[in-house]
Amino acid sequence: MFDIGFWELVVISVVGLLVLGPERLPVAIRTVSRLFKTVRDTANAVKSELAQELKMEELHRDLKKAEQLGMKDLSPELKQSIDQLKDAAASVNRPYEKTSGSSTHSEPANPAPNEPQDKP
């Protein structure tokens, strides 16, 4: 990333030690490292958002192509894109659906309207 060699780091360290002193140098190093970490994390977040946007744009373009072809004679790439979109739509439509193993008691809360109800 930066073209800094070992001797340049030594010179920077010595100058920092002389200017800041031994008490403030560790604090300054921590502050600079936090700043670099924040910048790096922000750049990675922007990169991942851009990748997601490009993927969504590609899927949208593939969907438009599939609509133009009338959903017939689709290439494997278009079929895969359509399947991904269907899976995403299904997960959005039922985000809180319980898995079969997580429920221990699966009786309905209200009886069905055509079932007879016992009266006490």
N, C-alpha and C. Protein backbone atom coordinates (compact mmCIF):
# COMPACT_ATOMS: atom_id res chain seq x y z
N MET A 1 0.84 -1.18 0.00
CA MET A 1 0.00 0.00 0.00
C MET A 1 0.89 1.25 0.00
N PHE A 2 1.68 1.40 1.05
CA PHE A 2 2.63 2.50 1.09
C PHE A 2 4.01 1.92 0.79
N ASP A 3 4.82 2.70 0.12
CA ASP A 3 6.16 2.24 -0.21
C ASP A 3 7.13 2.75 0.85
N ILE A 4 7.00 2.19 2.06
CA ILE A 4 7.84 2.60 3.18
C ILE A 4 8.68 1.40 3.58
N GLY A 5 9.98 1.59 3.61
CA GLY A 5 10.89 0.51 3.98
C GLY A 5 11.20 0.54 5.47
N PHE A 6 12.05 -0.38 5.86
CA PHE A 6 12.41 -0.51 7.28
C PHE A 6 13.09 0.75 7.79
N TRP A 7 14.05 1.29 7.03
CA TRP A 7 14.81 2.44 7.51
C TRP A 7 13.95 3.70 7.59
N GLU A 8 12.99 3.82 6.71
CA GLU A 8 12.08 4.96 6.80
C GLU A 8 11.25 4.87 8.08
N LEU A 9 10.83 3.66 8.45
CA LEU A 9 10.08 3.48 9.70
C LEU A 9 10.94 3.81 10.92
N VAL A 10 12.21 3.43 10.85
CA VAL A 10 13.12 3.74 11.96
C VAL A 10 13.27 5.26 12.11
N VAL A 11 13.45 5.96 11.01
CA VAL A 11 13.61 7.42 11.06
C VAL A 11 12.33 8.06 11.60
N ILE A 12 11.17 7.61 11.15
CA ILE A 12 9.89 8.15 11.63
C ILE A 12 9.74 7.89 13.12
N SER A 13 10.14 6.71 13.57
CA SER A 13 10.05 6.37 15.00
C SER A 13 10.95 7.26 15.85
N VAL A 14 12.17 7.47 15.40
CA VAL A 14 13.11 8.31 16.15
C VAL A 14 12.62 9.74 16.20
N VAL A 15 12.16 10.28 15.08
CA VAL A 15 11.65 11.66 15.05
C VAL A 15 10.41 11.77 15.95
N GLY A 16 9.52 10.77 15.89
CA GLY A 16 8.34 10.79 16.76
C GLY A 16 8.71 10.74 18.22
N LEU A 17 9.70 9.94 18.55
CA LEU A 17 10.15 9.85 19.94
C LEU A 17 10.74 11.17 20.41
N LEU A 18 11.52 11.83 19.54
CA LEU A 18 12.12 13.11 19.91
C LEU A 18 11.07 14.22 20.03
N VAL A 19 10.10 14.24 19.12
CA VAL A 19 9.10 15.31 19.12
C VAL A 19 8.06 15.10 20.22
N LEU A 20 7.51 13.90 20.32
CA LEU A 20 6.42 13.66 21.26
C LEU A 20 6.89 13.25 22.65
N GLY A 21 8.02 12.62 22.72
CA GLY A 21 8.52 12.16 24.01
C GLY A 21 7.99 10.76 24.31
N PRO A 22 8.58 10.10 25.28
CA PRO A 22 8.21 8.72 25.57
C PRO A 22 6.82 8.58 26.21
N GLU A 23 6.28 9.65 26.80
CA GLU A 23 4.96 9.56 27.43
C GLU A 23 3.82 9.60 26.40
N ARG A 24 3.96 10.48 25.42
CA ARG A 24 2.87 10.67 24.46
C ARG A 24 2.98 9.82 23.20
N LEU A 25 4.13 9.22 22.94
CA LEU A 25 4.32 8.43 21.72
C LEU A 25 3.39 7.22 21.65
N PRO A 26 3.22 6.41 22.70
CA PRO A 26 2.30 5.27 22.59
C PRO A 26 0.85 5.70 22.32
N VAL A 27 0.43 6.80 22.92
CA VAL A 27 -0.93 7.30 22.68
C VAL A 27 -1.08 7.74 21.23
N ALA A 28 -0.06 8.41 20.71
CA ALA A 28 -0.12 8.86 19.31
C ALA A 28 -0.14 7.67 18.36
N ILE A 29 0.64 6.63 18.66
CA ILE A 29 0.66 5.43 17.81
C ILE A 29 -0.71 4.76 17.82
N ARG A 30 -1.33 4.65 19.00
CA ARG A 30 -2.68 4.04 19.08
C ARG A 30 -3.69 4.87 18.31
N THR A 31 -3.61 6.19 18.41
CA THR A 31 -4.55 7.06 17.70
C THR A 31 -4.41 6.91 16.20
N VAL A 32 -3.17 6.88 15.72
CA VAL A 32 -2.93 6.73 14.28
C VAL A 32 -3.39 5.36 13.80
N SER A 33 -3.13 4.33 14.59
CA SER A 33 -3.56 2.98 14.17
C SER A 33 -5.08 2.87 14.15
N ARG A 34 -5.77 3.51 15.12
CA ARG A 34 -7.25 3.52 15.08
C ARG A 34 -7.76 4.25 13.84
N LEU A 35 -7.09 5.35 13.50
CA LEU A 35 -7.50 6.11 12.32
C LEU A 35 -7.35 5.26 11.06
N PHE A 36 -6.22 4.57 10.93
CA PHE A 36 -6.02 3.70 9.76
C PHE A 36 -7.04 2.57 9.74
N LYS A 37 -7.34 2.00 10.91
CA LYS A 37 -8.34 0.92 10.97
C LYS A 37 -9.72 1.43 10.56
N THR A 38 -10.09 2.62 11.01
CA THR A 38 -11.37 3.20 10.63
C THR A 38 -11.45 3.45 9.14
N VAL A 39 -10.39 3.98 8.57
CA VAL A 39 -10.36 4.23 7.13
C VAL A 39 -10.46 2.92 6.36
N ARG A 40 -9.71 1.91 6.80
CA ARG A 40 -9.74 0.61 6.13
C ARG A 40 -11.12 -0.04 6.22
N ASP A 41 -11.75 0.01 7.41
CA ASP A 41 -13.08 -0.57 7.58
C ASP A 41 -14.11 0.15 6.72
N THR A 42 -14.00 1.48 6.65
CA THR A 42 -14.92 2.26 5.82
C THR A 42 -14.74 1.91 4.34
N ALA A 43 -13.51 1.78 3.91
CA ALA A 43 -13.24 1.43 2.51
C ALA A 43 -13.79 0.03 2.20
N ASN A 44 -13.62 -0.92 3.13
CA ASN A 44 -14.16 -2.27 2.91
C ASN A 44 -15.69 -2.26 2.87
N ALA A 45 -16.32 -1.45 3.71
CA ALA A 45 -17.79 -1.36 3.70
C ALA A 45 -18.29 -0.79 2.38
N VAL A 46 -17.61 0.25 1.90
CA VAL A 46 -18.01 0.85 0.62
C VAL A 46 -17.81 -0.15 -0.51
N LYS A 47 -16.71 -0.88 -0.46
CA LYS A 47 -16.43 -1.87 -1.50
C LYS A 47 -17.50 -2.96 -1.52
N SER A 48 -17.90 -3.44 -0.34
CA SER A 48 -18.91 -4.50 -0.30
C SER A 48 -20.28 -3.97 -0.75
N GLU A 49 -20.61 -2.73 -0.39
CA GLU A 49 -21.88 -2.15 -0.86
C GLU A 49 -21.89 -2.01 -2.38
N LEU A 50 -20.77 -1.57 -2.94
CA LEU A 50 -20.70 -1.45 -4.39
C LEU A 50 -20.82 -2.81 -5.07
N ALA A 51 -20.21 -3.83 -4.48
CA ALA A 51 -20.32 -5.18 -5.04
C ALA A 51 -21.77 -5.66 -5.00
N GLN A 52 -22.47 -5.38 -3.90
CA GLN A 52 -23.88 -5.77 -3.80
C GLN A 52 -24.72 -5.03 -4.84
N GLU A 53 -24.47 -3.75 -5.01
CA GLU A 53 -25.22 -2.96 -5.99
C GLU A 53 -24.97 -3.46 -7.40
N LEU A 54 -23.73 -3.80 -7.72
CA LEU A 54 -23.42 -4.34 -9.04
C LEU A 54 -24.11 -5.68 -9.26
N LYS A 55 -24.14 -6.52 -8.23
CA LYS A 55 -24.81 -7.82 -8.33
C LYS A 55 -26.31 -7.61 -8.54
N MET A 56 -26.91 -6.68 -7.81
CA MET A 56 -28.33 -6.40 -7.98
C MET A 56 -28.63 -5.86 -9.38
N GLU A 57 -27.75 -5.00 -9.88
CA GLU A 57 -27.93 -4.44 -11.22
C GLU A 57 -27.83 -5.55 -12.27
N GLU A 58 -26.89 -6.47 -12.08
CA GLU A 58 -26.75 -7.58 -13.01
C GLU A 58 -27.99 -8.48 -12.99
N LEU A 59 -28.50 -8.77 -11.80
CA LEU A 59 -29.72 -9.58 -11.70
C LEU A 59 -30.91 -8.87 -12.34
N HIS A 60 -30.98 -7.55 -12.14
CA HIS A 60 -32.07 -6.78 -12.75
C HIS A 60 -31.97 -6.82 -14.28
N ARG A 61 -30.77 -6.69 -14.79
CA ARG A 61 -30.56 -6.75 -16.23
C ARG A 61 -30.94 -8.13 -16.78
N ASP A 62 -30.55 -9.18 -16.05
CA ASP A 62 -30.90 -10.54 -16.47
C ASP A 62 -32.41 -10.76 -16.44
N LEU A 63 -33.07 -10.18 -15.46
CA LEU A 63 -34.53 -10.30 -15.38
C LEU A 63 -35.19 -9.60 -16.56
N LYS A 64 -34.69 -8.44 -16.94
CA LYS A 64 -35.23 -7.73 -18.11
C LYS A 64 -35.04 -8.57 -19.38
N LYS A 65 -33.86 -9.19 -19.52
CA LYS A 65 -33.62 -10.04 -20.69
C LYS A 65 -34.59 -11.22 -20.71
N ALA A 66 -34.80 -11.82 -19.53
CA ALA A 66 -35.71 -12.96 -19.45
C ALA A 66 -37.14 -12.55 -19.78
N GLU A 67 -37.55 -11.37 -19.33
CA GLU A 67 -38.89 -10.88 -19.66
C GLU A 67 -39.03 -10.63 -21.16
N GLN A 68 -37.98 -10.11 -21.78
CA GLN A 68 -38.02 -9.86 -23.22
C GLN A 68 -38.11 -11.16 -24.00
N LEU A 69 -37.47 -12.21 -23.49
CA LEU A 69 -37.53 -13.51 -24.17
C LEU A 69 -38.79 -14.28 -23.82
N GLY A 70 -39.60 -13.73 -22.96
CA GLY A 70 -40.85 -14.38 -22.60
C GLY A 70 -40.63 -15.60 -21.72
N MET A 71 -39.53 -15.63 -20.96
CA MET A 71 -39.19 -16.73 -20.04
C MET A 71 -39.05 -18.07 -20.77
N LYS A 72 -38.78 -18.03 -22.08
CA LYS A 72 -38.57 -19.25 -22.86
C LYS A 72 -37.16 -19.24 -23.43
N ASP A 73 -36.60 -20.40 -23.63
CA ASP A 73 -35.27 -20.56 -24.22
C ASP A 73 -34.23 -19.67 -23.53
N LEU A 74 -34.17 -19.76 -22.22
CA LEU A 74 -33.23 -18.94 -21.46
C LEU A 74 -31.87 -19.63 -21.38
N SER A 75 -30.84 -18.84 -21.37
CA SER A 75 -29.50 -19.39 -21.20
C SER A 75 -29.33 -19.84 -19.75
N PRO A 76 -28.37 -20.70 -19.48
CA PRO A 76 -28.16 -21.16 -18.09
C PRO A 76 -27.88 -20.01 -17.12
N GLU A 77 -27.17 -18.98 -17.57
CA GLU A 77 -26.89 -17.84 -16.70
C GLU A 77 -28.18 -17.12 -16.33
N LEU A 78 -29.07 -16.93 -17.31
CA LEU A 78 -30.33 -16.27 -17.03
C LEU A 78 -31.20 -17.12 -16.11
N LYS A 79 -31.21 -18.44 -16.33
CA LYS A 79 -31.98 -19.32 -15.45
C LYS A 79 -31.47 -19.24 -14.02
N GLN A 80 -30.16 -19.21 -13.86
CA GLN A 80 -29.58 -19.13 -12.53
C GLN A 80 -29.95 -17.79 -11.87
N SER A 81 -29.92 -16.71 -12.63
CA SER A 81 -30.29 -15.41 -12.08
C SER A 81 -31.75 -15.39 -11.66
N ILE A 82 -32.61 -15.98 -12.47
CA ILE A 82 -34.04 -16.03 -12.15
C ILE A 82 -34.25 -16.86 -10.89
N ASP A 83 -33.54 -17.98 -10.76
CA ASP A 83 -33.65 -18.81 -9.56
C ASP A 83 -33.19 -18.05 -8.32
N GLN A 84 -32.11 -17.28 -8.44
CA GLN A 84 -31.64 -16.48 -7.32
C GLN A 84 -32.68 -15.44 -6.92
N LEU A 85 -33.30 -14.81 -7.90
CA LEU A 85 -34.33 -13.82 -7.61
C LEU A 85 -35.54 -14.46 -6.95
N LYS A 86 -35.93 -15.66 -7.41
CA LYS A 86 -37.06 -16.36 -6.80
C LYS A 86 -36.75 -16.72 -5.36
N ASP A 87 -35.54 -17.19 -5.10
CA ASP A 87 -35.15 -17.52 -3.73
C ASP A 87 -35.16 -16.29 -2.83
N ALA A 88 -34.65 -15.18 -3.36
CA ALA A 88 -34.63 -13.94 -2.57
C ALA A 88 -36.05 -13.47 -2.29
N ALA A 89 -36.93 -13.57 -3.29
CA ALA A 89 -38.32 -13.15 -3.08
C ALA A 89 -39.01 -14.06 -2.08
N ALA A 90 -38.73 -15.35 -2.13
CA ALA A 90 -39.34 -16.27 -1.18
C ALA A 90 -38.85 -15.99 0.24
N SER A 91 -37.58 -15.68 0.40
CA SER A 91 -37.07 -15.40 1.74
C SER A 91 -37.63 -14.09 2.29
N VAL A 92 -37.93 -13.12 1.41
CA VAL A 92 -38.52 -11.87 1.86
C VAL A 92 -39.98 -12.07 2.21
N ASN A 93 -40.68 -12.91 1.47
CA ASN A 93 -42.10 -13.12 1.72
C ASN A 93 -42.36 -13.87 3.01
N ARG A 94 -41.45 -14.75 3.43
CA ARG A 94 -41.66 -15.50 4.67
C ARG A 94 -40.40 -15.48 5.53
N PRO A 95 -40.05 -14.30 6.08
CA PRO A 95 -38.83 -14.20 6.87
C PRO A 95 -38.93 -14.82 8.26
N TYR A 96 -40.15 -14.94 8.81
CA TYR A 96 -40.30 -15.42 10.17
C TYR A 96 -40.85 -16.83 10.22
N GLU A 97 -40.76 -17.55 9.14
CA GLU A 97 -41.27 -18.91 9.11
C GLU A 97 -40.42 -19.79 10.00
N LYS A 98 -41.07 -20.61 10.83
CA LYS A 98 -40.34 -21.47 11.76
C LYS A 98 -39.81 -22.69 11.03
N THR A 99 -38.67 -23.16 11.49
CA THR A 99 -38.14 -24.40 10.94
C THR A 99 -38.88 -25.56 11.58
N SER A 100 -38.85 -26.71 10.96
CA SER A 100 -39.63 -27.86 11.44
C SER A 100 -39.12 -28.37 12.77
N GLY A 101 -37.84 -28.26 13.07
CA GLY A 101 -37.29 -28.79 14.30
C GLY A 101 -37.38 -27.83 15.48
N SER A 102 -37.66 -26.55 15.24
CA SER A 102 -37.63 -25.59 16.34
C SER A 102 -38.93 -25.56 17.12
N SER A 103 -40.02 -26.01 16.57
CA SER A 103 -41.31 -25.95 17.25
C SER A 103 -41.55 -27.27 17.98
N THR A 104 -41.88 -27.18 19.28
CA THR A 104 -42.15 -28.40 20.04
C THR A 104 -43.64 -28.67 20.14
N HIS A 105 -44.46 -27.65 20.01
CA HIS A 105 -45.90 -27.81 20.13
C HIS A 105 -46.53 -27.14 18.92
N SER A 106 -47.07 -27.92 18.00
CA SER A 106 -47.53 -27.35 16.74
C SER A 106 -49.04 -27.41 16.57
N GLU A 107 -49.82 -27.35 17.66
CA GLU A 107 -51.27 -27.32 17.52
C GLU A 107 -51.70 -25.91 17.18
N PRO A 108 -52.75 -25.77 16.38
CA PRO A 108 -53.23 -24.43 16.05
C PRO A 108 -53.83 -23.76 17.28
N ALA A 109 -53.74 -22.43 17.34
CA ALA A 109 -54.26 -21.69 18.47
C ALA A 109 -55.78 -21.70 18.48
N ASN A 110 -56.40 -21.56 17.32
CA ASN A 110 -57.86 -21.59 17.20
C ASN A 110 -58.27 -22.81 16.40
N PRO A 111 -59.33 -23.51 16.82
CA PRO A 111 -59.76 -24.66 16.03
C PRO A 111 -60.35 -24.21 14.71
N ALA A 112 -60.33 -25.13 13.74
CA ALA A 112 -60.88 -24.84 12.42
C ALA A 112 -62.38 -24.60 12.56
N PRO A 113 -62.99 -23.76 11.69
CA PRO A 113 -64.40 -23.44 11.83
C PRO A 113 -65.34 -24.63 11.63
N ASN A 114 -64.98 -25.65 10.85
CA ASN A 114 -65.91 -26.76 10.63
C ASN A 114 -65.71 -27.89 11.64
N GLU A 115 -64.76 -27.76 12.58
CA GLU A 115 -64.61 -28.78 13.60
C GLU A 115 -65.56 -28.52 14.74
N PRO A 116 -66.17 -29.56 15.32
CA PRO A 116 -67.07 -29.35 16.44
C PRO A 116 -66.27 -28.94 17.68
N GLN A 117 -66.85 -28.03 18.43
CA GLN A 117 -66.20 -27.55 19.65
C GLN A 117 -66.92 -28.13 20.86
N ASP A 118 -66.14 -28.54 21.85
CA ASP A 118 -66.74 -29.08 23.07
C ASP A 118 -67.19 -27.92 23.94
N LYS A 119 -68.43 -28.03 24.45
CA LYS A 119 -68.93 -27.00 25.36
C LYS A 119 -68.97 -27.57 26.75
N PRO A 120 -68.47 -26.88 27.76
CA PRO A 120 -68.48 -27.41 29.14
C PRO A 120 -69.82 -27.35 29.80
